[in-house]
PDB file of all heavy atoms in Angstrom:
ATOM      1  N   ARG A   1     -36.387 -71.592 -68.872  1.00  0.00           N
ATOM      2  CA  ARG A   1     -36.618 -71.830 -67.409  1.00  0.00           C
ATOM      3  C   ARG A   1     -35.493 -72.549 -66.791  1.00  0.00           C
ATOM      4  O   ARG A   1     -35.106 -72.104 -65.648  1.00  0.00           O
ATOM      5  CB  ARG A   1     -37.883 -72.738 -67.275  1.00  0.00           C
ATOM      6  CG  ARG A   1     -38.275 -73.047 -65.894  1.00  0.00           C
ATOM      7  CD  ARG A   1     -39.497 -74.047 -65.783  1.00  0.00           C
ATOM      8  NE  ARG A   1     -40.638 -73.444 -66.363  1.00  0.00           N
ATOM      9  CZ  ARG A   1     -41.375 -73.878 -67.463  1.00  0.00           C
ATOM     10  NH1 ARG A   1     -40.834 -75.041 -68.149  1.00  0.00           N
ATOM     11  NH2 ARG A   1     -42.468 -73.309 -67.930  1.00  0.00           N
ATOM     12  N   HIS A   2     -34.819 -73.481 -67.406  1.00  0.00           N
ATOM     13  CA  HIS A   2     -33.664 -74.190 -66.826  1.00  0.00           C
ATOM     14  C   HIS A   2     -32.372 -73.273 -66.811  1.00  0.00           C
ATOM     15  O   HIS A   2     -31.626 -73.466 -65.761  1.00  0.00           O
ATOM     16  CB  HIS A   2     -33.482 -75.448 -67.566  1.00  0.00           C
ATOM     17  CG  HIS A   2     -34.335 -76.585 -67.174  1.00  0.00           C
ATOM     18  ND1 HIS A   2     -35.671 -76.636 -67.559  1.00  0.00           N
ATOM     19  CD2 HIS A   2     -34.100 -77.642 -66.329  1.00  0.00           C
ATOM     20  CE1 HIS A   2     -36.069 -77.730 -66.981  1.00  0.00           C
ATOM     21  NE2 HIS A   2     -35.289 -78.382 -66.259  1.00  0.00           N
ATOM     22  N   VAL A   3     -32.337 -72.429 -67.746  1.00  0.00           N
ATOM     23  CA  VAL A   3     -31.166 -71.431 -67.747  1.00  0.00           C
ATOM     24  C   VAL A   3     -31.302 -70.578 -66.543  1.00  0.00           C
ATOM     25  O   VAL A   3     -30.245 -70.314 -65.820  1.00  0.00           O
ATOM     26  CB  VAL A   3     -31.089 -70.668 -69.011  1.00  0.00           C
ATOM     27  CG1 VAL A   3     -30.099 -69.399 -68.872  1.00  0.00           C
ATOM     28  CG2 VAL A   3     -30.680 -71.569 -70.247  1.00  0.00           C
ATOM     29  N   LEU A   4     -32.523 -70.066 -66.262  1.00  0.00           N
ATOM     30  CA  LEU A   4     -32.735 -69.126 -65.051  1.00  0.00           C
ATOM     31  C   LEU A   4     -32.545 -69.832 -63.825  1.00  0.00           C
ATOM     32  O   LEU A   4     -32.045 -69.258 -62.832  1.00  0.00           O
ATOM     33  CB  LEU A   4     -34.118 -68.567 -65.265  1.00  0.00           C
ATOM     34  CG  LEU A   4     -34.427 -67.567 -66.439  1.00  0.00           C
ATOM     35  CD1 LEU A   4     -35.906 -67.163 -66.366  1.00  0.00           C
ATOM     36  CD2 LEU A   4     -33.558 -66.324 -66.371  1.00  0.00           C
ATOM     37  N   TYR A   5     -33.077 -71.128 -63.841  1.00  0.00           N
ATOM     38  CA  TYR A   5     -32.937 -71.853 -62.589  1.00  0.00           C
ATOM     39  C   TYR A   5     -31.596 -72.419 -62.117  1.00  0.00           C
ATOM     40  O   TYR A   5     -30.983 -72.254 -61.077  1.00  0.00           O
ATOM     41  CB  TYR A   5     -33.894 -72.999 -62.547  1.00  0.00           C
ATOM     42  CG  TYR A   5     -34.122 -73.769 -61.382  1.00  0.00           C
ATOM     43  CD1 TYR A   5     -34.862 -73.164 -60.295  1.00  0.00           C
ATOM     44  CD2 TYR A   5     -33.674 -75.111 -61.117  1.00  0.00           C
ATOM     45  CE1 TYR A   5     -35.133 -73.784 -59.136  1.00  0.00           C
ATOM     46  CE2 TYR A   5     -33.844 -75.828 -60.014  1.00  0.00           C
ATOM     47  CZ  TYR A   5     -34.651 -75.080 -58.935  1.00  0.00           C
ATOM     48  OH  TYR A   5     -34.826 -75.711 -57.752  1.00  0.00           O
ATOM     49  N   LEU A   6     -30.952 -72.984 -63.183  1.00  0.00           N
ATOM     50  CA  LEU A   6     -29.591 -73.596 -62.936  1.00  0.00           C
ATOM     51  C   LEU A   6     -28.371 -72.585 -63.061  1.00  0.00           C
ATOM     52  O   LEU A   6     -27.371 -72.786 -62.362  1.00  0.00           O
ATOM     53  CB  LEU A   6     -29.342 -74.777 -63.962  1.00  0.00           C
ATOM     54  CG  LEU A   6     -30.323 -76.028 -63.700  1.00  0.00           C
ATOM     55  CD1 LEU A   6     -30.051 -77.140 -64.753  1.00  0.00           C
ATOM     56  CD2 LEU A   6     -30.228 -76.599 -62.349  1.00  0.00           C
ATOM     57  N   LYS A   7     -28.539 -71.696 -63.953  1.00  0.00           N
ATOM     58  CA  LYS A   7     -27.590 -70.528 -64.123  1.00  0.00           C
ATOM     59  C   LYS A   7     -26.221 -71.062 -64.731  1.00  0.00           C
ATOM     60  O   LYS A   7     -25.864 -70.674 -65.785  1.00  0.00           O
ATOM     61  CB  LYS A   7     -27.288 -69.879 -62.878  1.00  0.00           C
ATOM     62  CG  LYS A   7     -28.555 -69.121 -62.224  1.00  0.00           C
ATOM     63  CD  LYS A   7     -28.210 -68.329 -61.084  1.00  0.00           C
ATOM     64  CE  LYS A   7     -29.340 -67.398 -60.554  1.00  0.00           C
ATOM     65  NZ  LYS A   7     -30.518 -68.206 -60.188  1.00  0.00           N
ATOM     66  N   ASP A   8     -25.513 -71.943 -63.963  1.00  0.00           N
ATOM     67  CA  ASP A   8     -24.243 -72.483 -64.495  1.00  0.00           C
ATOM     68  C   ASP A   8     -23.828 -73.656 -63.772  1.00  0.00           C
ATOM     69  O   ASP A   8     -24.595 -74.240 -62.984  1.00  0.00           O
ATOM     70  CB  ASP A   8     -23.213 -71.284 -64.260  1.00  0.00           C
ATOM     71  CG  ASP A   8     -23.176 -70.830 -62.834  1.00  0.00           C
ATOM     72  OD1 ASP A   8     -23.406 -71.561 -61.954  1.00  0.00           O
ATOM     73  OD2 ASP A   8     -22.679 -69.619 -62.519  1.00  0.00           O
ATOM     74  N   LYS A   9     -22.660 -74.242 -64.052  1.00  0.00           N
ATOM     75  CA  LYS A   9     -22.181 -75.470 -63.396  1.00  0.00           C
ATOM     76  C   LYS A   9     -22.095 -75.342 -61.937  1.00  0.00           C
ATOM     77  O   LYS A   9     -22.387 -76.232 -61.116  1.00  0.00           O
ATOM     78  CB  LYS A   9     -20.832 -75.873 -64.046  1.00  0.00           C
ATOM     79  CG  LYS A   9     -20.321 -77.195 -63.544  1.00  0.00           C
ATOM     80  CD  LYS A   9     -19.065 -77.590 -64.192  1.00  0.00           C
ATOM     81  CE  LYS A   9     -18.566 -78.995 -63.873  1.00  0.00           C
ATOM     82  NZ  LYS A   9     -17.405 -79.374 -64.614  1.00  0.00           N
ATOM     83  N   ALA A  10     -21.607 -74.238 -61.427  1.00  0.00           N
ATOM     84  CA  ALA A  10     -21.405 -73.954 -59.997  1.00  0.00           C
ATOM     85  C   ALA A  10     -22.676 -74.188 -59.250  1.00  0.00           C
ATOM     86  O   ALA A  10     -22.862 -74.796 -58.241  1.00  0.00           O
ATOM     87  CB  ALA A  10     -20.775 -72.815 -59.632  1.00  0.00           C
ATOM     88  N   ARG A  11     -23.841 -73.485 -59.760  1.00  0.00           N
ATOM     89  CA  ARG A  11     -25.017 -73.540 -59.233  1.00  0.00           C
ATOM     90  C   ARG A  11     -25.633 -74.847 -59.176  1.00  0.00           C
ATOM     91  O   ARG A  11     -26.302 -75.379 -58.403  1.00  0.00           O
ATOM     92  CB  ARG A  11     -26.032 -72.467 -59.774  1.00  0.00           C
ATOM     93  CG  ARG A  11     -27.503 -72.714 -59.772  1.00  0.00           C
ATOM     94  CD  ARG A  11     -28.070 -72.649 -58.442  1.00  0.00           C
ATOM     95  NE  ARG A  11     -29.505 -73.047 -58.528  1.00  0.00           N
ATOM     96  CZ  ARG A  11     -30.187 -73.332 -57.479  1.00  0.00           C
ATOM     97  NH1 ARG A  11     -29.746 -73.258 -56.306  1.00  0.00           N
ATOM     98  NH2 ARG A  11     -31.608 -73.566 -57.572  1.00  0.00           N
ATOM     99  N   THR A  12     -25.355 -75.497 -60.381  1.00  0.00           N
ATOM    100  CA  THR A  12     -25.900 -76.885 -60.576  1.00  0.00           C
ATOM    101  C   THR A  12     -25.250 -77.910 -59.594  1.00  0.00           C
ATOM    102  O   THR A  12     -26.081 -78.718 -59.004  1.00  0.00           O
ATOM    103  CB  THR A  12     -25.660 -77.434 -61.974  1.00  0.00           C
ATOM    104  OG1 THR A  12     -26.191 -76.545 -62.987  1.00  0.00           O
ATOM    105  CG2 THR A  12     -26.160 -78.829 -62.258  1.00  0.00           C
ATOM    106  N   LEU A  13     -24.010 -77.702 -59.277  1.00  0.00           N
ATOM    107  CA  LEU A  13     -23.390 -78.621 -58.303  1.00  0.00           C
ATOM    108  C   LEU A  13     -23.927 -78.315 -56.836  1.00  0.00           C
ATOM    109  O   LEU A  13     -23.878 -79.311 -56.110  1.00  0.00           O
ATOM    110  CB  LEU A  13     -21.814 -78.358 -58.423  1.00  0.00           C
ATOM    111  CG  LEU A  13     -21.203 -78.944 -59.672  1.00  0.00           C
ATOM    112  CD1 LEU A  13     -19.671 -78.605 -59.676  1.00  0.00           C
ATOM    113  CD2 LEU A  13     -21.379 -80.424 -59.864  1.00  0.00           C
ATOM    114  N   GLU A  14     -24.208 -76.998 -56.646  1.00  0.00           N
ATOM    115  CA  GLU A  14     -24.863 -76.743 -55.367  1.00  0.00           C
ATOM    116  C   GLU A  14     -26.168 -77.561 -55.117  1.00  0.00           C
ATOM    117  O   GLU A  14     -26.412 -78.128 -54.095  1.00  0.00           O
ATOM    118  CB  GLU A  14     -25.028 -75.318 -55.242  1.00  0.00           C
ATOM    119  CG  GLU A  14     -23.773 -74.504 -55.070  1.00  0.00           C
ATOM    120  CD  GLU A  14     -24.069 -73.000 -54.968  1.00  0.00           C
ATOM    121  OE1 GLU A  14     -25.221 -72.582 -54.780  1.00  0.00           O
ATOM    122  OE2 GLU A  14     -23.130 -72.234 -55.018  1.00  0.00           O
ATOM    123  N   LEU A  15     -26.932 -77.513 -56.233  1.00  0.00           N
ATOM    124  CA  LEU A  15     -28.254 -78.280 -56.163  1.00  0.00           C
ATOM    125  C   LEU A  15     -28.018 -79.714 -56.008  1.00  0.00           C
ATOM    126  O   LEU A  15     -28.712 -80.385 -55.387  1.00  0.00           O
ATOM    127  CB  LEU A  15     -28.939 -77.928 -57.496  1.00  0.00           C
ATOM    128  CG  LEU A  15     -30.300 -78.740 -57.752  1.00  0.00           C
ATOM    129  CD1 LEU A  15     -31.273 -78.497 -56.525  1.00  0.00           C
ATOM    130  CD2 LEU A  15     -30.896 -78.365 -59.086  1.00  0.00           C
ATOM    131  N   MET A  16     -27.037 -80.275 -56.673  1.00  0.00           N
ATOM    132  CA  MET A  16     -26.721 -81.718 -56.632  1.00  0.00           C
ATOM    133  C   MET A  16     -26.288 -82.193 -55.222  1.00  0.00           C
ATOM    134  O   MET A  16     -26.496 -83.251 -54.921  1.00  0.00           O
ATOM    135  CB  MET A  16     -25.686 -82.132 -57.624  1.00  0.00           C
ATOM    136  CG  MET A  16     -26.176 -81.963 -59.231  1.00  0.00           C
ATOM    137  SD  MET A  16     -27.745 -82.633 -59.453  1.00  0.00           S
ATOM    138  CE  MET A  16     -27.505 -84.396 -59.173  1.00  0.00           C
ATOM    139  N   LYS A  17     -25.732 -81.304 -54.435  1.00  0.00           N
ATOM    140  CA  LYS A  17     -25.409 -81.571 -53.022  1.00  0.00           C
ATOM    141  C   LYS A  17     -26.641 -81.798 -52.242  1.00  0.00           C
ATOM    142  O   LYS A  17     -26.697 -82.695 -51.355  1.00  0.00           O
ATOM    143  CB  LYS A  17     -24.511 -80.460 -52.336  1.00  0.00           C
ATOM    144  CG  LYS A  17     -23.111 -80.379 -52.924  1.00  0.00           C
ATOM    145  CD  LYS A  17     -22.321 -79.305 -52.184  1.00  0.00           C
ATOM    146  CE  LYS A  17     -20.929 -79.219 -52.833  1.00  0.00           C
ATOM    147  NZ  LYS A  17     -20.097 -78.092 -52.229  1.00  0.00           N
ATOM    148  N   LYS A  18     -27.663 -81.029 -52.576  1.00  0.00           N
ATOM    149  CA  LYS A  18     -28.989 -81.242 -51.904  1.00  0.00           C
ATOM    150  C   LYS A  18     -29.629 -82.549 -52.298  1.00  0.00           C
ATOM    151  O   LYS A  18     -30.174 -83.227 -51.534  1.00  0.00           O
ATOM    152  CB  LYS A  18     -29.829 -80.094 -52.272  1.00  0.00           C
ATOM    153  CG  LYS A  18     -29.351 -78.758 -51.732  1.00  0.00           C
ATOM    154  CD  LYS A  18     -30.312 -77.570 -52.180  1.00  0.00           C
ATOM    155  CE  LYS A  18     -29.769 -76.164 -51.665  1.00  0.00           C
ATOM    156  NZ  LYS A  18     -30.678 -75.073 -52.158  1.00  0.00           N
ATOM    157  N   HIS A  19     -29.475 -82.918 -53.621  1.00  0.00           N
ATOM    158  CA  HIS A  19     -30.036 -84.274 -54.081  1.00  0.00           C
ATOM    159  C   HIS A  19     -29.088 -85.291 -53.283  1.00  0.00           C
ATOM    160  O   HIS A  19     -29.692 -86.280 -52.903  1.00  0.00           O
ATOM    161  CB  HIS A  19     -29.790 -84.384 -55.548  1.00  0.00           C
ATOM    162  CG  HIS A  19     -30.821 -83.852 -56.365  1.00  0.00           C
ATOM    163  ND1 HIS A  19     -32.108 -84.307 -56.508  1.00  0.00           N
ATOM    164  CD2 HIS A  19     -30.785 -82.660 -57.169  1.00  0.00           C
ATOM    165  CE1 HIS A  19     -32.709 -83.489 -57.266  1.00  0.00           C
ATOM    166  NE2 HIS A  19     -32.004 -82.511 -57.820  1.00  0.00           N
ATOM    167  N   ALA A  20     -27.814 -85.166 -53.119  1.00  0.00           N
ATOM    168  CA  ALA A  20     -27.006 -86.071 -52.522  1.00  0.00           C
ATOM    169  C   ALA A  20     -27.398 -86.431 -51.002  1.00  0.00           C
ATOM    170  O   ALA A  20     -27.398 -87.556 -50.418  1.00  0.00           O
ATOM    171  CB  ALA A  20     -25.516 -85.687 -52.557  1.00  0.00           C
ATOM    172  N   ALA A  21     -27.849 -85.224 -50.311  1.00  0.00           N
ATOM    173  CA  ALA A  21     -28.308 -85.458 -48.940  1.00  0.00           C
ATOM    174  C   ALA A  21     -29.625 -86.383 -48.842  1.00  0.00           C
ATOM    175  O   ALA A  21     -29.814 -86.908 -47.799  1.00  0.00           O
ATOM    176  CB  ALA A  21     -28.652 -84.024 -48.373  1.00  0.00           C
ATOM    177  N   ILE A  22     -30.416 -86.418 -49.975  1.00  0.00           N
ATOM    178  CA  ILE A  22     -31.526 -87.248 -49.986  1.00  0.00           C
ATOM    179  C   ILE A  22     -31.029 -88.754 -50.477  1.00  0.00           C
ATOM    180  O   ILE A  22     -31.547 -89.687 -49.854  1.00  0.00           O
ATOM    181  CB  ILE A  22     -32.499 -86.700 -50.957  1.00  0.00           C
ATOM    182  CG1 ILE A  22     -33.087 -85.402 -50.318  1.00  0.00           C
ATOM    183  CG2 ILE A  22     -33.766 -87.668 -51.095  1.00  0.00           C
ATOM    184  CD1 ILE A  22     -33.905 -84.599 -51.423  1.00  0.00           C
ATOM    185  N   MET A  23     -30.213 -88.754 -51.460  1.00  0.00           N
ATOM    186  CA  MET A  23     -29.922 -90.054 -51.990  1.00  0.00           C
ATOM    187  C   MET A  23     -28.889 -90.834 -51.201  1.00  0.00           C
ATOM    188  O   MET A  23     -28.989 -92.148 -51.088  1.00  0.00           O
ATOM    189  CB  MET A  23     -29.310 -89.788 -53.410  1.00  0.00           C
ATOM    190  CG  MET A  23     -30.154 -89.338 -54.502  1.00  0.00           C
ATOM    191  SD  MET A  23     -31.186 -90.684 -55.236  1.00  0.00           S
ATOM    192  CE  MET A  23     -29.970 -91.353 -56.219  1.00  0.00           C
ATOM    193  N   GLY A  24     -28.020 -90.267 -50.598  1.00  0.00           N
ATOM    194  CA  GLY A  24     -26.921 -90.868 -49.837  1.00  0.00           C
ATOM    195  C   GLY A  24     -27.380 -91.920 -48.840  1.00  0.00           C
ATOM    196  O   GLY A  24     -26.960 -93.019 -48.826  1.00  0.00           O
ATOM    197  N   PRO A  25     -28.407 -91.454 -47.864  1.00  0.00           N
ATOM    198  CA  PRO A  25     -28.889 -92.344 -46.933  1.00  0.00           C
ATOM    199  C   PRO A  25     -29.560 -93.605 -47.582  1.00  0.00           C
ATOM    200  O   PRO A  25     -29.445 -94.675 -46.959  1.00  0.00           O
ATOM    201  CB  PRO A  25     -29.827 -91.458 -46.144  1.00  0.00           C
ATOM    202  CG  PRO A  25     -29.442 -90.069 -46.368  1.00  0.00           C
ATOM    203  CD  PRO A  25     -28.855 -89.988 -47.717  1.00  0.00           C
ATOM    204  N   LYS A  26     -30.103 -93.338 -48.710  1.00  0.00           N
ATOM    205  CA  LYS A  26     -30.775 -94.545 -49.306  1.00  0.00           C
ATOM    206  C   LYS A  26     -29.813 -95.619 -49.794  1.00  0.00           C
ATOM    207  O   LYS A  26     -29.986 -96.806 -49.527  1.00  0.00           O
ATOM    208  CB  LYS A  26     -31.668 -94.051 -50.457  1.00  0.00           C
ATOM    209  CG  LYS A  26     -32.815 -93.181 -50.091  1.00  0.00           C
ATOM    210  CD  LYS A  26     -33.694 -92.822 -51.220  1.00  0.00           C
ATOM    211  CE  LYS A  26     -34.871 -91.905 -50.837  1.00  0.00           C
ATOM    212  NZ  LYS A  26     -35.808 -91.640 -51.878  1.00  0.00           N
ATOM    213  N   PHE A  27     -28.764 -95.178 -50.423  1.00  0.00           N
ATOM    214  CA  PHE A  27     -27.706 -96.039 -50.961  1.00  0.00           C
ATOM    215  C   PHE A  27     -26.896 -96.661 -49.806  1.00  0.00           C
ATOM    216  O   PHE A  27     -26.614 -97.864 -49.852  1.00  0.00           O
ATOM    217  CB  PHE A  27     -26.759 -95.322 -51.922  1.00  0.00           C
ATOM    218  CG  PHE A  27     -27.308 -95.355 -53.290  1.00  0.00           C
ATOM    219  CD1 PHE A  27     -28.308 -94.370 -53.496  1.00  0.00           C
ATOM    220  CD2 PHE A  27     -26.872 -96.250 -54.258  1.00  0.00           C
ATOM    221  CE1 PHE A  27     -28.776 -94.362 -54.973  1.00  0.00           C
ATOM    222  CE2 PHE A  27     -27.335 -96.215 -55.570  1.00  0.00           C
ATOM    223  CZ  PHE A  27     -28.295 -95.224 -56.018  1.00  0.00           C
ATOM    224  N   ARG A  28     -26.567 -95.818 -48.776  1.00  0.00           N
ATOM    225  CA  ARG A  28     -26.038 -96.501 -47.599  1.00  0.00           C
ATOM    226  C   ARG A  28     -26.915 -97.512 -46.841  1.00  0.00           C
ATOM    227  O   ARG A  28     -26.324 -98.616 -46.439  1.00  0.00           O
ATOM    228  CB  ARG A  28     -25.619 -95.357 -46.564  1.00  0.00           C
ATOM    229  CG  ARG A  28     -24.481 -94.534 -46.961  1.00  0.00           C
ATOM    230  CD  ARG A  28     -23.980 -93.539 -45.899  1.00  0.00           C
ATOM    231  NE  ARG A  28     -24.886 -92.531 -45.646  1.00  0.00           N
ATOM    232  CZ  ARG A  28     -24.969 -91.439 -46.356  1.00  0.00           C
ATOM    233  NH1 ARG A  28     -24.031 -91.147 -47.248  1.00  0.00           N
ATOM    234  NH2 ARG A  28     -25.784 -90.363 -45.933  1.00  0.00           N
ATOM    235  N   SER A  29     -28.251 -97.333 -46.948  1.00  0.00           N
ATOM    236  CA  SER A  29     -29.147 -98.230 -46.374  1.00  0.00           C
ATOM    237  C   SER A  29     -28.970 -99.610 -47.052  1.00  0.00           C
ATOM    238  O   SER A  29     -28.954-100.727 -46.478  1.00  0.00           O
ATOM    239  CB  SER A  29     -30.528 -97.855 -46.350  1.00  0.00           C
ATOM    240  OG  SER A  29     -31.514 -98.792 -45.896  1.00  0.00           O
ATOM    241  N   VAL A  30     -29.029 -99.515 -48.418  1.00  0.00           N
ATOM    242  CA  VAL A  30     -28.905-100.728 -49.302  1.00  0.00           C
ATOM    243  C   VAL A  30     -27.575-101.467 -48.879  1.00  0.00           C
ATOM    244  O   VAL A  30     -27.582-102.687 -48.705  1.00  0.00           O
ATOM    245  CB  VAL A  30     -28.970-100.328 -50.816  1.00  0.00           C
ATOM    246  CG1 VAL A  30     -28.650-101.547 -51.624  1.00  0.00           C
ATOM    247  CG2 VAL A  30     -30.419 -99.933 -51.041  1.00  0.00           C
ATOM    248  N   ALA A  31     -26.378-100.806 -48.975  1.00  0.00           N
ATOM    249  CA  ALA A  31     -25.195-101.244 -48.913  1.00  0.00           C
ATOM    250  C   ALA A  31     -25.008-101.894 -47.585  1.00  0.00           C
ATOM    251  O   ALA A  31     -24.517-103.071 -47.344  1.00  0.00           O
ATOM    252  CB  ALA A  31     -24.030-100.303 -49.167  1.00  0.00           C
ATOM    253  N   ASP A  32     -25.495-101.166 -46.504  1.00  0.00           N
ATOM    254  CA  ASP A  32     -25.275-101.749 -45.140  1.00  0.00           C
ATOM    255  C   ASP A  32     -26.160-102.897 -44.832  1.00  0.00           C
ATOM    256  O   ASP A  32     -25.637-103.918 -44.176  1.00  0.00           O
ATOM    257  CB  ASP A  32     -25.760-100.525 -44.109  1.00  0.00           C
ATOM    258  CG  ASP A  32     -24.686 -99.472 -44.082  1.00  0.00           C
ATOM    259  OD1 ASP A  32     -23.698 -99.485 -44.628  1.00  0.00           O
ATOM    260  OD2 ASP A  32     -25.153 -98.339 -43.441  1.00  0.00           O
ATOM    261  N   THR A  33     -27.239-102.973 -45.437  1.00  0.00           N
ATOM    262  CA  THR A  33     -28.180-104.224 -45.323  1.00  0.00           C
ATOM    263  C   THR A  33     -27.520-105.365 -45.939  1.00  0.00           C
ATOM    264  O   THR A  33     -27.429-106.510 -45.499  1.00  0.00           O
ATOM    265  CB  THR A  33     -29.524-103.960 -45.940  1.00  0.00           C
ATOM    266  OG1 THR A  33     -30.108-102.824 -45.202  1.00  0.00           O
ATOM    267  CG2 THR A  33     -30.369-105.162 -45.734  1.00  0.00           C
ATOM    268  N   LEU A  34     -26.966-105.196 -47.191  1.00  0.00           N
ATOM    269  CA  LEU A  34     -26.250-106.365 -47.906  1.00  0.00           C
ATOM    270  C   LEU A  34     -25.086-106.715 -47.094  1.00  0.00           C
ATOM    271  O   LEU A  34     -24.812-107.945 -47.055  1.00  0.00           O
ATOM    272  CB  LEU A  34     -25.950-105.847 -49.297  1.00  0.00           C
ATOM    273  CG  LEU A  34     -27.075-105.539 -50.260  1.00  0.00           C
ATOM    274  CD1 LEU A  34     -26.461-104.919 -51.535  1.00  0.00           C
ATOM    275  CD2 LEU A  34     -27.999-106.819 -50.480  1.00  0.00           C
ATOM    276  N   ASP A  35     -24.309-105.722 -46.598  1.00  0.00           N
ATOM    277  CA  ASP A  35     -23.188-106.190 -45.779  1.00  0.00           C
ATOM    278  C   ASP A  35     -23.545-106.998 -44.612  1.00  0.00           C
ATOM    279  O   ASP A  35     -22.778-107.956 -44.184  1.00  0.00           O
ATOM    280  CB  ASP A  35     -22.404-104.918 -45.394  1.00  0.00           C
ATOM    281  CG  ASP A  35     -21.585-104.185 -46.422  1.00  0.00           C
ATOM    282  OD1 ASP A  35     -21.388-104.908 -47.559  1.00  0.00           O
ATOM    283  OD2 ASP A  35     -21.266-102.997 -46.259  1.00  0.00           O
ATOM    284  N   LYS A  36     -24.628-106.567 -43.921  1.00  0.00           N
ATOM    285  CA  LYS A  36     -25.012-107.419 -42.804  1.00  0.00           C
ATOM    286  C   LYS A  36     -25.584-108.761 -43.111  1.00  0.00           C
ATOM    287  O   LYS A  36     -25.302-109.777 -42.406  1.00  0.00           O
ATOM    288  CB  LYS A  36     -25.958-106.455 -42.003  1.00  0.00           C
ATOM    289  CG  LYS A  36     -26.529-107.190 -40.643  1.00  0.00           C
ATOM    290  CD  LYS A  36     -27.533-106.308 -40.040  1.00  0.00           C
ATOM    291  CE  LYS A  36     -28.153-106.954 -38.877  1.00  0.00           C
ATOM    292  NZ  LYS A  36     -29.187-106.129 -38.120  1.00  0.00           N
ATOM    293  N   GLU A  37     -26.520-108.771 -44.047  1.00  0.00           N
ATOM    294  CA  GLU A  37     -27.341-109.920 -44.270  1.00  0.00           C
ATOM    295  C   GLU A  37     -26.765-110.975 -45.294  1.00  0.00           C
ATOM    296  O   GLU A  37     -26.962-112.119 -45.257  1.00  0.00           O
ATOM    297  CB  GLU A  37     -28.804-109.423 -44.794  1.00  0.00           C
ATOM    298  CG  GLU A  37     -29.555-108.727 -43.755  1.00  0.00           C
ATOM    299  CD  GLU A  37     -29.982-109.585 -42.544  1.00  0.00           C
ATOM    300  OE1 GLU A  37     -30.175-110.700 -42.741  1.00  0.00           O
ATOM    301  OE2 GLU A  37     -30.169-108.977 -41.434  1.00  0.00           O
ATOM    302  N   ILE A  38     -26.092-110.432 -46.239  1.00  0.00           N
ATOM    303  CA  ILE A  38     -25.625-111.289 -47.430  1.00  0.00           C
ATOM    304  C   ILE A  38     -24.151-111.548 -47.395  1.00  0.00           C
ATOM    305  O   ILE A  38     -23.648-112.701 -47.651  1.00  0.00           O
ATOM    306  CB  ILE A  38     -25.992-110.758 -48.700  1.00  0.00           C
ATOM    307  CG1 ILE A  38     -27.528-110.466 -48.776  1.00  0.00           C
ATOM    308  CG2 ILE A  38     -25.639-111.529 -49.891  1.00  0.00           C
ATOM    309  CD1 ILE A  38     -28.359-111.699 -48.663  1.00  0.00           C
ATOM    310  N   ALA A  39     -23.243-110.602 -46.972  1.00  0.00           N
ATOM    311  CA  ALA A  39     -21.816-110.822 -47.151  1.00  0.00           C
ATOM    312  C   ALA A  39     -21.383-111.934 -46.422  1.00  0.00           C
ATOM    313  O   ALA A  39     -20.541-112.768 -46.868  1.00  0.00           O
ATOM    314  CB  ALA A  39     -21.150-109.484 -46.527  1.00  0.00           C
ATOM    315  N   PRO A  40     -21.797-112.217 -45.106  1.00  0.00           N
ATOM    316  CA  PRO A  40     -21.174-113.420 -44.335  1.00  0.00           C
ATOM    317  C   PRO A  40     -21.515-114.715 -45.014  1.00  0.00           C
ATOM    318  O   PRO A  40     -20.945-115.746 -44.723  1.00  0.00           O
ATOM    319  CB  PRO A  40     -21.853-113.340 -43.039  1.00  0.00           C
ATOM    320  CG  PRO A  40     -22.300-111.920 -42.913  1.00  0.00           C
ATOM    321  CD  PRO A  40     -22.744-111.448 -44.204  1.00  0.00           C
ATOM    322  N   LEU A  41     -22.503-114.710 -45.991  1.00  0.00           N
ATOM    323  CA  LEU A  41     -22.961-116.005 -46.477  1.00  0.00           C
ATOM    324  C   LEU A  41     -22.241-116.425 -47.726  1.00  0.00           C
ATOM    325  O   LEU A  41     -22.394-117.544 -48.221  1.00  0.00           O
ATOM    326  CB  LEU A  41     -24.501-115.909 -46.846  1.00  0.00           C
ATOM    327  CG  LEU A  41     -25.372-115.375 -45.619  1.00  0.00           C
ATOM    328  CD1 LEU A  41     -26.846-115.392 -46.177  1.00  0.00           C
ATOM    329  CD2 LEU A  41     -25.244-116.343 -44.526  1.00  0.00           C
ATOM    330  N   ASP A  42     -21.440-115.520 -48.320  1.00  0.00           N
ATOM    331  CA  ASP A  42     -20.667-115.714 -49.479  1.00  0.00           C
ATOM    332  C   ASP A  42     -21.461-116.271 -50.613  1.00  0.00           C
ATOM    333  O   ASP A  42     -21.139-117.207 -51.448  1.00  0.00           O
ATOM    334  CB  ASP A  42     -19.565-116.795 -49.096  1.00  0.00           C
ATOM    335  CG  ASP A  42     -18.304-116.811 -50.121  1.00  0.00           C
ATOM    336  OD1 ASP A  42     -18.270-115.728 -50.918  1.00  0.00           O
ATOM    337  OD2 ASP A  42     -17.619-117.682 -50.266  1.00  0.00           O
ATOM    338  N   ILE A  43     -22.602-115.700 -50.980  1.00  0.00           N
ATOM    339  CA  ILE A  43     -23.480-116.065 -51.967  1.00  0.00           C
ATOM    340  C   ILE A  43     -23.674-115.105 -53.019  1.00  0.00           C
ATOM    341  O   ILE A  43     -24.450-115.148 -54.002  1.00  0.00           O
ATOM    342  CB  ILE A  43     -24.835-116.547 -51.465  1.00  0.00           C
ATOM    343  CG1 ILE A  43     -25.533-115.419 -50.704  1.00  0.00           C
ATOM    344  CG2 ILE A  43     -24.643-117.845 -50.669  1.00  0.00           C
ATOM    345  CD1 ILE A  43     -26.968-115.720 -50.190  1.00  0.00           C
ATOM    346  N   ALA A  44     -22.993-113.823 -52.957  1.00  0.00           N
ATOM    347  CA  ALA A  44     -23.281-112.821 -53.901  1.00  0.00           C
ATOM    348  C   ALA A  44     -22.109-111.752 -53.730  1.00  0.00           C
ATOM    349  O   ALA A  44     -21.320-111.769 -52.867  1.00  0.00           O
ATOM    350  CB  ALA A  44     -24.608-112.114 -53.567  1.00  0.00           C
ATOM    351  N   SER A  45     -22.077-110.783 -54.707  1.00  0.00           N
ATOM    352  CA  SER A  45     -21.124-109.807 -54.605  1.00  0.00           C
ATOM    353  C   SER A  45     -21.813-108.452 -55.208  1.00  0.00           C
ATOM    354  O   SER A  45     -22.805-108.542 -55.920  1.00  0.00           O
ATOM    355  CB  SER A  45     -19.972-110.047 -55.489  1.00  0.00           C
ATOM    356  OG  SER A  45     -20.360-110.181 -56.886  1.00  0.00           O
TER     357      SER A  45
END
């Protein structure tokens, strides 16, 4: 089933770009929040 679906590395990387479109905003949200709320306080890295 996975051979038929993923086919090869090129097709797999195309699929991962679709995952990235979902994941990217989540990670940016975390980083942006920490940059805004925690970074000025010098209490974490």
